[in-house]
C-alpha atoms as a PDB file:
ATOM      1  CA  UNK A   1      53.216 246.517 259.978  1.00  0.00           C
ATOM      2  CA  UNK A   2      53.664 242.606 260.185  1.00  0.00           C
ATOM      3  CA  UNK A   3      55.796 241.410 256.898  1.00  0.00           C
ATOM      4  CA  UNK A   4      53.357 239.232 255.194  1.00  0.00           C
ATOM      5  CA  UNK A   5      54.321 236.240 252.989  1.00  0.00           C
ATOM      6  CA  UNK A   6      51.743 237.360 249.793  1.00  0.00           C
ATOM      7  CA  UNK A   7      50.811 235.406 246.753  1.00  0.00           C
ATOM      8  CA  UNK A   8      51.204 237.370 244.028  1.00  0.00           C
ATOM      9  CA  UNK A   9      49.520 234.938 241.224  1.00  0.00           C
ATOM     10  CA  UNK A  10      45.757 234.882 240.857  1.00  0.00           C
ATOM     11  CA  UNK A  11      44.813 231.797 243.045  1.00  0.00           C
ATOM     12  CA  UNK A  12      41.205 232.643 242.982  1.00  0.00           C
ATOM     13  CA  UNK A  13      38.156 230.304 242.742  1.00  0.00           C
ATOM     14  CA  UNK A  14      36.560 232.543 240.366  1.00  0.00           C
ATOM     15  CA  UNK A  15      38.151 234.018 237.004  1.00  0.00           C
ATOM     16  CA  UNK A  16      39.814 237.599 236.899  1.00  0.00           C
ATOM     17  CA  UNK A  17      37.172 240.161 235.262  1.00  0.00           C
ATOM     18  CA  UNK A  18      38.752 242.650 232.631  1.00  0.00           C
ATOM     19  CA  UNK A  19      36.651 245.121 233.980  1.00  0.00           C
ATOM     20  CA  UNK A  20      38.850 245.873 237.119  1.00  0.00           C
ATOM     21  CA  UNK A  21      42.589 246.321 238.377  1.00  0.00           C
ATOM     22  CA  UNK A  22      43.416 244.312 240.966  1.00  0.00           C
ATOM     23  CA  UNK A  23      46.232 244.503 243.330  1.00  0.00           C
ATOM     24  CA  UNK A  24      47.137 243.183 246.807  1.00  0.00           C
ATOM     25  CA  UNK A  25      47.252 245.489 249.892  1.00  0.00           C
ATOM     26  CA  UNK A  26      47.843 245.318 253.587  1.00  0.00           C
ATOM     27  CA  UNK A  27      46.720 247.155 256.376  1.00  0.00           C
ATOM     28  CA  UNK A  28      46.836 247.064 260.510  1.00  0.00           C
ATOM     29  CA  UNK A  29      43.914 246.854 263.069  1.00  0.00           C
ATOM     30  CA  UNK A  30      44.241 248.246 266.392  1.00  0.00           C
ATOM     31  CA  UNK A  31      45.262 245.039 267.848  1.00  0.00           C
ATOM     32  CA  UNK A  32      48.475 245.327 265.830  1.00  0.00           C
ATOM     33  CA  UNK A  33      47.503 242.593 263.375  1.00  0.00           C
ATOM     34  CA  UNK A  34      48.309 242.657 259.811  1.00  0.00           C
ATOM     35  CA  UNK A  35      45.693 242.091 257.575  1.00  0.00           C
ATOM     36  CA  UNK A  36      45.746 241.134 253.846  1.00  0.00           C
ATOM     37  CA  UNK A  37      43.578 241.949 251.108  1.00  0.00           C
ATOM     38  CA  UNK A  38      42.550 242.227 247.248  1.00  0.00           C
ATOM     39  CA  UNK A  39      41.926 245.496 246.200  1.00  0.00           C
ATOM     40  CA  UNK A  40      39.522 245.703 243.244  1.00  0.00           C
ATOM     41  CA  UNK A  41      39.260 249.109 241.429  1.00  0.00           C
ATOM     42  CA  UNK A  42      36.598 249.638 238.238  1.00  0.00           C
ATOM     43  CA  UNK A  43      38.888 250.405 235.217  1.00  0.00           C
ATOM     44  CA  UNK A  44      38.300 253.779 233.660  1.00  0.00           C
ATOM     45  CA  UNK A  45      36.483 255.095 236.774  1.00  0.00           C
ATOM     46  CA  UNK A  46      37.198 259.008 237.690  1.00  0.00           C
ATOM     47  CA  UNK A  47      36.823 260.895 240.792  1.00  0.00           C
ATOM     48  CA  UNK A  48      36.483 259.565 244.298  1.00  0.00           C
ATOM     49  CA  UNK A  49      34.420 256.585 244.671  1.00  0.00           C
ATOM     50  CA  UNK A  50      32.128 254.635 246.680  1.00  0.00           C
ATOM     51  CA  UNK A  51      33.746 251.639 248.650  1.00  0.00           C
ATOM     52  CA  UNK A  52      33.152 248.636 249.949  1.00  0.00           C
ATOM     53  CA  UNK A  53      34.643 246.434 252.189  1.00  0.00           C
ATOM     54  CA  UNK A  54      33.775 242.120 252.392  1.00  0.00           C
ATOM     55  CA  UNK A  55      34.459 239.406 254.133  1.00  0.00           C
ATOM     56  CA  UNK A  56      33.510 235.936 255.102  1.00  0.00           C
ATOM     57  CA  UNK A  57      31.989 233.275 254.897  1.00  0.00           C
ATOM     58  CA  UNK A  58      33.391 232.305 258.450  1.00  0.00           C
ATOM     59  CA  UNK A  59      36.457 229.856 257.833  1.00  0.00           C
ATOM     60  CA  UNK A  60      36.845 231.047 254.108  1.00  0.00           C
ATOM     61  CA  UNK A  61      39.427 233.549 252.465  1.00  0.00           C
ATOM     62  CA  UNK A  62      39.517 236.043 250.179  1.00  0.00           C
ATOM     63  CA  UNK A  63      39.989 233.990 247.347  1.00  0.00           C
ATOM     64  CA  UNK A  64      36.636 232.376 247.372  1.00  0.00           C
ATOM     65  CA  UNK A  65      33.277 234.109 248.168  1.00  0.00           C
ATOM     66  CA  UNK A  66      34.369 237.570 249.429  1.00  0.00           C
ATOM     67  CA  UNK A  67      36.742 238.180 246.326  1.00  0.00           C
ATOM     68  CA  UNK A  68      33.964 237.505 244.282  1.00  0.00           C
ATOM     69  CA  UNK A  69      31.377 239.716 245.443  1.00  0.00           C
ATOM     70  CA  UNK A  70      34.116 242.310 245.674  1.00  0.00           C
ATOM     71  CA  UNK A  71      34.853 241.974 242.028  1.00  0.00           C
ATOM     72  CA  UNK A  72      31.452 241.648 240.734  1.00  0.00           C
ATOM     73  CA  UNK A  73      30.510 245.191 242.771  1.00  0.00           C
ATOM     74  CA  UNK A  74      33.664 246.899 241.512  1.00  0.00           C
ATOM     75  CA  UNK A  75      32.229 245.944 237.885  1.00  0.00           C
ATOM     76  CA  UNK A  76      29.138 248.134 239.053  1.00  0.00           C
ATOM     77  CA  UNK A  77      31.613 250.952 239.983  1.00  0.00           C
ATOM     78  CA  UNK A  78      32.256 250.696 243.395  1.00  0.00           C
ATOM     79  CA  UNK A  79      36.305 250.590 244.585  1.00  0.00           C
ATOM     80  CA  UNK A  80      36.145 247.280 247.184  1.00  0.00           C
ATOM     81  CA  UNK A  81      38.524 245.529 249.627  1.00  0.00           C
ATOM     82  CA  UNK A  82      37.860 241.686 250.242  1.00  0.00           C
ATOM     83  CA  UNK A  83      40.390 240.796 253.070  1.00  0.00           C
ATOM     84  CA  UNK A  84      41.248 237.833 255.217  1.00  0.00           C
ATOM     85  CA  UNK A  85      40.353 238.007 258.939  1.00  0.00           C
ATOM     86  CA  UNK A  86      43.114 238.246 261.794  1.00  0.00           C
ATOM     87  CA  UNK A  87      44.598 234.891 262.179  1.00  0.00           C
ATOM     88  CA  UNK A  88      43.491 233.267 259.096  1.00  0.00           C
ATOM     89  CA  UNK A  89      44.679 233.473 255.149  1.00  0.00           C
ATOM     90  CA  UNK A  90      47.161 235.550 254.543  1.00  0.00           C
ATOM     91  CA  UNK A  91      46.935 237.674 257.278  1.00  0.00           C
ATOM     92  CA  UNK A  92      48.963 237.764 260.418  1.00  0.00           C
ATOM     93  CA  UNK A  93      48.029 236.873 263.757  1.00  0.00           C
ATOM     94  CA  UNK A  94      48.786 234.357 266.501  1.00  0.00           C
ATOM     95  CA  UNK A  95      47.668 231.547 267.277  1.00  0.00           C
ATOM     96  CA  UNK A  96      46.430 230.701 263.559  1.00  0.00           C
ATOM     97  CA  UNK A  97      42.808 229.685 262.992  1.00  0.00           C
ATOM     98  CA  UNK A  98      41.139 231.459 265.757  1.00  0.00           C
ATOM     99  CA  UNK A  99      38.235 233.813 265.923  1.00  0.00           C
ATOM    100  CA  UNK A 100      36.954 236.947 268.359  1.00  0.00           C
ATOM    101  CA  UNK A 101      33.958 238.545 268.366  1.00  0.00           C
ATOM    102  CA  UNK A 102      35.748 241.791 269.188  1.00  0.00           C
ATOM    103  CA  UNK A 103      38.938 241.381 266.864  1.00  0.00           C
ATOM    104  CA  UNK A 104      36.796 240.424 264.094  1.00  0.00           C
ATOM    105  CA  UNK A 105      34.251 243.317 264.447  1.00  0.00           C
ATOM    106  CA  UNK A 106      37.458 245.258 264.469  1.00  0.00           C
ATOM    107  CA  UNK A 107      38.789 244.041 261.279  1.00  0.00           C
ATOM    108  CA  UNK A 108      35.985 245.277 259.372  1.00  0.00           C
ATOM    109  CA  UNK A 109      36.312 248.632 261.259  1.00  0.00           C
ATOM    110  CA  UNK A 110      40.009 248.611 260.297  1.00  0.00           C
ATOM    111  CA  UNK A 111      39.171 247.858 256.851  1.00  0.00           C
ATOM    112  CA  UNK A 112      36.908 250.861 257.075  1.00  0.00           C
ATOM    113  CA  UNK A 113      40.079 252.968 258.380  1.00  0.00           C
ATOM    114  CA  UNK A 114      41.671 251.852 254.851  1.00  0.00           C
ATOM    115  CA  UNK A 115      39.214 253.304 252.680  1.00  0.00           C
ATOM    116  CA  UNK A 116      38.484 256.151 254.363  1.00  0.00           C
ATOM    117  CA  UNK A 117      42.595 257.283 253.888  1.00  0.00           C
ATOM    118  CA  UNK A 118      42.560 255.884 250.397  1.00  0.00           C
ATOM    119  CA  UNK A 119      43.038 258.850 247.754  1.00  0.00           C
ATOM    120  CA  UNK A 120      40.177 257.139 245.402  1.00  0.00           C
ATOM    121  CA  UNK A 121      37.702 256.731 248.034  1.00  0.00           C
ATOM    122  CA  UNK A 122      34.721 259.201 249.281  1.00  0.00           C
ATOM    123  CA  UNK A 123      34.816 258.573 252.977  1.00  0.00           C
ATOM    124  CA  UNK A 124      31.784 259.463 253.450  1.00  0.00           C
ATOM    125  CA  UNK A 125      30.105 256.709 251.314  1.00  0.00           C
ATOM    126  CA  UNK A 126      31.631 253.570 252.433  1.00  0.00           C
ATOM    127  CA  UNK A 127      29.597 250.349 253.090  1.00  0.00           C
ATOM    128  CA  UNK A 128      30.263 246.825 254.216  1.00  0.00           C
ATOM    129  CA  UNK A 129      29.224 243.382 252.931  1.00  0.00           C
ATOM    130  CA  UNK A 130      29.710 240.119 255.341  1.00  0.00           C
ATOM    131  CA  UNK A 131      28.971 236.882 254.179  1.00  0.00           C
ATOM    132  CA  UNK A 132      27.933 233.730 256.737  1.00  0.00           C
ATOM    133  CA  UNK A 133      29.279 234.570 259.479  1.00  0.00           C
ATOM    134  CA  UNK A 134      30.784 237.338 258.852  1.00  0.00           C
ATOM    135  CA  UNK A 135      27.208 238.543 257.728  1.00  0.00           C
ATOM    136  CA  UNK A 136      26.707 238.793 261.764  1.00  0.00           C
ATOM    137  CA  UNK A 137      30.048 240.266 262.188  1.00  0.00           C
ATOM    138  CA  UNK A 138      29.142 243.152 259.645  1.00  0.00           C
ATOM    139  CA  UNK A 139      25.652 243.730 261.681  1.00  0.00           C
ATOM    140  CA  UNK A 140      27.803 243.980 264.510  1.00  0.00           C
ATOM    141  CA  UNK A 141      30.117 246.535 263.138  1.00  0.00           C
ATOM    142  CA  UNK A 142      27.377 248.920 261.587  1.00  0.00           C
ATOM    143  CA  UNK A 143      26.312 249.042 265.528  1.00  0.00           C
ATOM    144  CA  UNK A 144      29.565 250.428 266.533  1.00  0.00           C
ATOM    145  CA  UNK A 145      30.753 252.702 263.638  1.00  0.00           C
ATOM    146  CA  UNK A 146      29.191 255.124 262.513  1.00  0.00           C
ATOM    147  CA  UNK A 147      31.428 255.550 259.320  1.00  0.00           C
ATOM    148  CA  UNK A 148      29.673 252.477 257.785  1.00  0.00           C
ATOM    149  CA  UNK A 149      26.847 254.303 255.934  1.00  0.00           C
ATOM    150  CA  UNK A 150      25.399 250.880 254.319  1.00  0.00           C
ATOM    151  CA  UNK A 151      25.814 246.845 255.574  1.00  0.00           C
ATOM    152  CA  UNK A 152      24.799 244.229 253.333  1.00  0.00           C
ATOM    153  CA  UNK A 153      24.663 240.764 255.518  1.00  0.00           C
ATOM    154  CA  UNK A 154      24.487 237.684 252.949  1.00  0.00           C
ATOM    155  CA  UNK A 155      23.104 234.245 254.422  1.00  0.00           C
ATOM    156  CA  UNK A 156      24.149 235.471 257.504  1.00  0.00           C
ATOM    157  CA  UNK A 157      24.875 233.437 260.589  1.00  0.00           C
ATOM    158  CA  UNK A 158      25.249 234.791 264.676  1.00  0.00           C
ATOM    159  CA  UNK A 159      28.345 232.780 265.665  1.00  0.00           C
ATOM    160  CA  UNK A 160      27.483 233.798 269.246  1.00  0.00           C
ATOM    161  CA  UNK A 161      23.805 232.372 268.900  1.00  0.00           C
ATOM    162  CA  UNK A 162      25.284 228.746 266.899  1.00  0.00           C
ATOM    163  CA  UNK A 163      28.160 228.229 269.784  1.00  0.00           C
ATOM    164  CA  UNK A 164      25.804 229.107 272.733  1.00  0.00           C
ATOM    165  CA  UNK A 165      22.710 227.408 271.347  1.00  0.00           C
ATOM    166  CA  UNK A 166      23.638 224.999 268.958  1.00  0.00           C
ATOM    167  CA  UNK A 167      22.130 224.560 265.169  1.00  0.00           C
ATOM    168  CA  UNK A 168      18.298 225.495 265.154  1.00  0.00           C
ATOM    169  CA  UNK A 169      18.994 225.949 268.883  1.00  0.00           C
ATOM    170  CA  UNK A 170      18.838 222.384 269.847  1.00  0.00           C
ATOM    171  CA  UNK A 171      21.275 223.090 272.568  1.00  0.00           C
ATOM    172  CA  UNK A 172      20.230 225.848 274.353  1.00  0.00           C
ATOM    173  CA  UNK A 173      20.158 224.844 278.219  1.00  0.00           C
ATOM    174  CA  UNK A 174      22.904 225.658 280.794  1.00  0.00           C
ATOM    175  CA  UNK A 175      23.722 221.881 280.736  1.00  0.00           C
ATOM    176  CA  UNK A 176      24.602 221.539 277.237  1.00  0.00           C
ATOM    177  CA  UNK A 177      26.336 224.920 277.390  1.00  0.00           C
ATOM    178  CA  UNK A 178      28.236 223.514 280.266  1.00  0.00           C
ATOM    179  CA  UNK A 179      29.464 220.154 278.849  1.00  0.00           C
ATOM    180  CA  UNK A 180      30.640 222.693 275.723  1.00  0.00           C
ATOM    181  CA  UNK A 181      32.492 224.723 278.229  1.00  0.00           C
ATOM    182  CA  UNK A 182      34.074 221.730 280.367  1.00  0.00           C
ATOM    183  CA  UNK A 183      35.105 219.760 277.002  1.00  0.00           C
ATOM    184  CA  UNK A 184      36.807 223.088 275.419  1.00  0.00           C
ATOM    185  CA  UNK A 185      38.759 224.202 279.049  1.00  0.00           C
ATOM    186  CA  UNK A 186      39.818 220.224 279.042  1.00  0.00           C
ATOM    187  CA  UNK A 187      41.267 220.904 275.278  1.00  0.00           C
ATOM    188  CA  UNK A 188      42.573 224.172 276.405  1.00  0.00           C
ATOM    189  CA  UNK A 189      44.824 222.624 278.864  1.00  0.00           C
ATOM    190  CA  UNK A 190      45.699 219.790 276.659  1.00  0.00           C
ATOM    191  CA  UNK A 191      46.865 222.332 274.346  1.00  0.00           C
ATOM    192  CA  UNK A 192      49.071 223.811 277.220  1.00  0.00           C
ATOM    193  CA  UNK A 193      50.498 220.781 278.323  1.00  0.00           C
ATOM    194  CA  UNK A 194      51.341 219.385 274.743  1.00  0.00           C
ATOM    195  CA  UNK A 195      52.575 223.169 273.291  1.00  0.00           C
ATOM    196  CA  UNK A 196      50.231 222.068 270.435  1.00  0.00           C
ATOM    197  CA  UNK A 197      47.156 223.858 269.239  1.00  0.00           C
ATOM    198  CA  UNK A 198      44.527 221.215 267.981  1.00  0.00           C
ATOM    199  CA  UNK A 199      42.517 221.825 265.026  1.00  0.00           C
ATOM    200  CA  UNK A 200      38.911 220.744 264.977  1.00  0.00           C
ATOM    201  CA  UNK A 201      38.944 219.881 260.974  1.00  0.00           C
ATOM    202  CA  UNK A 202      36.950 221.350 258.161  1.00  0.00           C
ATOM    203  CA  UNK A 203      34.138 220.008 256.422  1.00  0.00           C
ATOM    204  CA  UNK A 204      33.721 216.451 256.985  1.00  0.00           C
ATOM    205  CA  UNK A 205      35.456 214.360 254.071  1.00  0.00           C
ATOM    206  CA  UNK A 206      34.461 211.983 253.032  1.00  0.00           C
ATOM    207  CA  UNK A 207      30.772 212.634 253.499  1.00  0.00           C
ATOM    208  CA  UNK A 208      28.809 210.760 255.284  1.00  0.00           C
ATOM    209  CA  UNK A 209      25.589 208.856 253.704  1.00  0.00           C
ATOM    210  CA  UNK A 210      23.671 210.327 256.566  1.00  0.00           C
ATOM    211  CA  UNK A 211      25.025 213.705 257.121  1.00  0.00           C
ATOM    212  CA  UNK A 212      22.122 216.610 257.576  1.00  0.00           C
ATOM    213  CA  UNK A 213      21.792 218.834 254.236  1.00  0.00           C
ATOM    214  CA  UNK A 214      23.862 221.737 255.569  1.00  0.00           C
ATOM    215  CA  UNK A 215      26.689 219.586 255.888  1.00  0.00           C
ATOM    216  CA  UNK A 216      26.198 218.084 252.242  1.00  0.00           C
ATOM    217  CA  UNK A 217      25.979 221.964 251.137  1.00  0.00           C
ATOM    218  CA  UNK A 218      29.078 223.240 253.166  1.00  0.00           C
ATOM    219  CA  UNK A 219      30.614 219.777 251.226  1.00  0.00           C
ATOM    220  CA  UNK A 220      29.810 220.786 247.926  1.00  0.00           C
ATOM    221  CA  UNK A 221      31.202 223.960 248.167  1.00  0.00           C
ATOM    222  CA  UNK A 222      34.576 223.802 250.165  1.00  0.00           C
ATOM    223  CA  UNK A 223      35.662 219.952 249.207  1.00  0.00           C
ATOM    224  CA  UNK A 224      35.165 220.081 245.609  1.00  0.00           C
ATOM    225  CA  UNK A 225      36.732 222.142 242.867  1.00  0.00           C
ATOM    226  CA  UNK A 226      33.646 224.823 242.921  1.00  0.00           C
ATOM    227  CA  UNK A 227      35.076 226.074 246.247  1.00  0.00           C
ATOM    228  CA  UNK A 228      38.355 224.558 247.265  1.00  0.00           C
ATOM    229  CA  UNK A 229      41.003 226.718 248.173  1.00  0.00           C
ATOM    230  CA  UNK A 230      44.329 225.384 249.603  1.00  0.00           C
ATOM    231  CA  UNK A 231      44.253 228.467 252.194  1.00  0.00           C
ATOM    232  CA  UNK A 232      40.880 227.891 253.123  1.00  0.00           C
ATOM    233  CA  UNK A 233      40.200 226.553 257.179  1.00  0.00           C
ATOM    234  CA  UNK A 234      36.493 224.626 256.144  1.00  0.00           C
ATOM    235  CA  UNK A 235      38.337 223.135 253.095  1.00  0.00           C
ATOM    236  CA  UNK A 236      41.050 221.667 254.720  1.00  0.00           C
ATOM    237  CA  UNK A 237      42.028 221.619 259.050  1.00  0.00           C
ATOM    238  CA  UNK A 238      39.684 224.174 260.002  1.00  0.00           C
ATOM    239  CA  UNK A 239      39.805 226.057 263.523  1.00  0.00           C
ATOM    240  CA  UNK A 240      41.502 225.414 266.523  1.00  0.00           C
ATOM    241  CA  UNK A 241      39.452 224.030 268.757  1.00  0.00           C
ATOM    242  CA  UNK A 242      39.323 226.883 271.114  1.00  0.00           C
ATOM    243  CA  UNK A 243      38.055 229.378 268.478  1.00  0.00           C
ATOM    244  CA  UNK A 244      34.691 228.934 269.722  1.00  0.00           C
ATOM    245  CA  UNK A 245      35.130 229.759 273.642  1.00  0.00           C
ATOM    246  CA  UNK A 246      34.802 233.498 273.337  1.00  0.00           C
ATOM    247  CA  UNK A 247      31.628 233.360 271.135  1.00  0.00           C
ATOM    248  CA  UNK A 248      30.078 230.726 273.430  1.00  0.00           C
ATOM    249  CA  UNK A 249      30.362 233.707 276.501  1.00  0.00           C
ATOM    250  CA  UNK A 250      29.669 236.575 274.312  1.00  0.00           C
ATOM    251  CA  UNK A 251      27.146 237.607 272.273  1.00  0.00           C
ATOM    252  CA  UNK A 252      26.984 239.567 269.155  1.00  0.00           C
ATOM    253  CA  UNK A 253      24.021 241.832 267.865  1.00  0.00           C
ATOM    254  CA  UNK A 254      22.808 243.302 270.824  1.00  0.00           C
ATOM    255  CA  UNK A 255      22.290 246.980 269.929  1.00  0.00           C
ATOM    256  CA  UNK A 256      21.557 246.182 266.192  1.00  0.00           C
ATOM    257  CA  UNK A 257      18.019 248.038 266.977  1.00  0.00           C
ATOM    258  CA  UNK A 258      20.038 251.189 267.513  1.00  0.00           C
ATOM    259  CA  UNK A 259      21.691 251.085 263.360  1.00  0.00           C
ATOM    260  CA  UNK A 260      20.499 253.920 261.992  1.00  0.00           C
ATOM    261  CA  UNK A 261      22.464 253.361 258.627  1.00  0.00           C
ATOM    262  CA  UNK A 262      20.988 251.437 255.956  1.00  0.00           C
ATOM    263  CA  UNK A 263      21.061 247.624 256.135  1.00  0.00           C
ATOM    264  CA  UNK A 264      20.130 244.655 253.732  1.00  0.00           C
ATOM    265  CA  UNK A 265      19.758 241.167 254.982  1.00  0.00           C
ATOM    266  CA  UNK A 266      19.557 238.661 252.362  1.00  0.00           C
ATOM    267  CA  UNK A 267      19.215 235.307 252.814  1.00  0.00           C
ATOM    268  CA  UNK A 268      18.080 232.159 250.437  1.00  0.00           C
ATOM    269  CA  UNK A 269      14.496 230.911 251.606  1.00  0.00           C
ATOM    270  CA  UNK A 270      15.560 227.524 251.758  1.00  0.00           C
ATOM    271  CA  UNK A 271      18.805 227.849 253.786  1.00  0.00           C
ATOM    272  CA  UNK A 272      19.047 226.061 256.681  1.00  0.00           C
ATOM    273  CA  UNK A 273      20.270 229.266 258.405  1.00  0.00           C
ATOM    274  CA  UNK A 274      17.558 231.419 257.157  1.00  0.00           C
ATOM    275  CA  UNK A 275      15.880 231.775 260.792  1.00  0.00           C
ATOM    276  CA  UNK A 276      19.145 233.341 261.963  1.00  0.00           C
ATOM    277  CA  UNK A 277      18.833 236.041 259.172  1.00  0.00           C
ATOM    278  CA  UNK A 278      15.112 237.051 259.704  1.00  0.00           C
ATOM    279  CA  UNK A 279      15.510 236.824 263.525  1.00  0.00           C
ATOM    280  CA  UNK A 280      18.463 239.635 262.904  1.00  0.00           C
ATOM    281  CA  UNK A 281      16.152 241.315 261.270  1.00  0.00           C
ATOM    282  CA  UNK A 282      13.130 241.232 263.251  1.00  0.00           C
ATOM    283  CA  UNK A 283      15.763 242.428 266.257  1.00  0.00           C
ATOM    284  CA  UNK A 284      17.017 245.128 264.354  1.00  0.00           C
ATOM    285  CA  UNK A 285      13.747 246.956 263.229  1.00  0.00           C
ATOM    286  CA  UNK A 286      11.747 246.016 266.903  1.00  0.00           C
ATOM    287  CA  UNK A 287      12.066 249.733 268.710  1.00  0.00           C
ATOM    288  CA  UNK A 288      14.382 251.305 266.026  1.00  0.00           C
ATOM    289  CA  UNK A 289      13.148 254.808 264.790  1.00  0.00           C
ATOM    290  CA  UNK A 290      15.212 254.101 261.586  1.00  0.00           C
ATOM    291  CA  UNK A 291      13.615 251.280 259.733  1.00  0.00           C
ATOM    292  CA  UNK A 292      12.871 252.622 256.323  1.00  0.00           C
ATOM    293  CA  UNK A 293      16.458 252.251 255.366  1.00  0.00           C
ATOM    294  CA  UNK A 294      16.059 248.363 256.293  1.00  0.00           C
ATOM    295  CA  UNK A 295      15.045 245.327 254.512  1.00  0.00           C
ATOM    296  CA  UNK A 296      15.097 241.701 254.065  1.00  0.00           C
ATOM    297  CA  UNK A 297      15.557 240.121 251.137  1.00  0.00           C
ATOM    298  CA  UNK A 298      14.669 236.329 250.630  1.00  0.00           C
ATOM    299  CA  UNK A 299      15.521 234.873 247.573  1.00  0.00           C
ATOM    300  CA  UNK A 300      13.420 231.713 246.200  1.00  0.00           C
ATOM    301  CA  UNK A 301      14.517 228.158 245.722  1.00  0.00           C
ATOM    302  CA  UNK A 302      18.176 229.448 247.494  1.00  0.00           C
ATOM    303  CA  UNK A 303      20.119 227.082 250.104  1.00  0.00           C
ATOM    304  CA  UNK A 304      22.948 228.571 252.199  1.00  0.00           C
ATOM    305  CA  UNK A 305      25.975 228.467 249.890  1.00  0.00           C
ATOM    306  CA  UNK A 306      23.961 229.483 246.658  1.00  0.00           C
ATOM    307  CA  UNK A 307      24.976 233.077 247.983  1.00  0.00           C
ATOM    308  CA  UNK A 308      28.344 232.203 248.066  1.00  0.00           C
ATOM    309  CA  UNK A 309      29.002 232.031 244.485  1.00  0.00           C
ATOM    310  CA  UNK A 310      25.610 231.882 243.198  1.00  0.00           C
ATOM    311  CA  UNK A 311      25.212 227.902 243.382  1.00  0.00           C
ATOM    312  CA  UNK A 312      25.211 227.679 239.480  1.00  0.00           C
ATOM    313  CA  UNK A 313      21.796 229.282 239.411  1.00  0.00           C
ATOM    314  CA  UNK A 314      22.536 232.978 239.614  1.00  0.00           C
ATOM    315  CA  UNK A 315      21.276 233.410 243.088  1.00  0.00           C
ATOM    316  CA  UNK A 316      23.380 236.378 243.989  1.00  0.00           C
ATOM    317  CA  UNK A 317      21.448 239.570 243.366  1.00  0.00           C
ATOM    318  CA  UNK A 318      24.484 241.557 242.402  1.00  0.00           C
ATOM    319  CA  UNK A 319      22.233 244.208 240.777  1.00  0.00           C
ATOM    320  CA  UNK A 320      19.955 244.577 243.472  1.00  0.00           C
ATOM    321  CA  UNK A 321      23.396 244.882 245.864  1.00  0.00           C
ATOM    322  CA  UNK A 322      24.196 247.792 243.235  1.00  0.00           C
ATOM    323  CA  UNK A 323      21.123 249.359 243.780  1.00  0.00           C
ATOM    324  CA  UNK A 324      21.077 249.185 247.557  1.00  0.00           C
ATOM    325  CA  UNK A 325      24.863 250.583 247.911  1.00  0.00           C
ATOM    326  CA  UNK A 326      24.215 253.298 245.064  1.00  0.00           C
ATOM    327  CA  UNK A 327      21.080 254.724 246.882  1.00  0.00           C
ATOM    328  CA  UNK A 328      22.445 254.699 250.572  1.00  0.00           C
ATOM    329  CA  UNK A 329      25.961 255.837 249.526  1.00  0.00           C
ATOM    330  CA  UNK A 330      25.356 259.060 248.298  1.00  0.00           C
END
């Protein structure tokens, strides 16, 4: 595996719990990219444990929301792994700050590989949690990986839908997509000519007075002490401009109605992204013979980033997540 430069000190956006043991680990995906992760094990736990792999939000790092989820679930008895996706954070992969529907789905599967071979894990009791854009990728992974016995998608995005149709499907026309493709391919040639990969910029800063609410919501998390992290793409210079090109052409969630394992889709009812969670759930149960283990949970008064860190109102139902995974990881 590639030798990664890992930070040893605690540099999370949340405090370390005294109920868990924490360590840094690495593992490789099938494309040969080495991923960096934080492993959380409940103290004084005995025997083989149920395990969870966690990632997201899209453009975040494991020191933010995914690490918080992983630690909270370890406090509730699960061995958990919060990982940086390929090309981001402390993980390997070039070019930096890019994304791929295939490779990012594979990242979840590689995490399942790692957990399946861990000597403290029961390989028959492995689940995954995806947050924001990684909620959609978690469902995509669950559709292809039968080793995943339960999946939670929190405040999810369908990254293909956003790139192909725009927010609220407001750009869902062939002409709008063609204009995007023209711009991206022109930028691709410019990057080739210059030998420099251009970055799109993270969450806008300073925040315009007329910014829509969802931009203000992201700013409140990524650009303030609440959630800022020096390695987070969204907190800093963002994805490279080519990052979304493959999502424009390659849809995910095509066979979610063939997922037989348990799935919990949870969303804040006031989140700008809530329509994506509702639609993904509806697509998942349509024609699916396995619906008794599928659930849509709408959290009253919660907006999108409230499910990143609780939003100061304890919006993340960790006990509900623990009950869900305890039920289906038997």
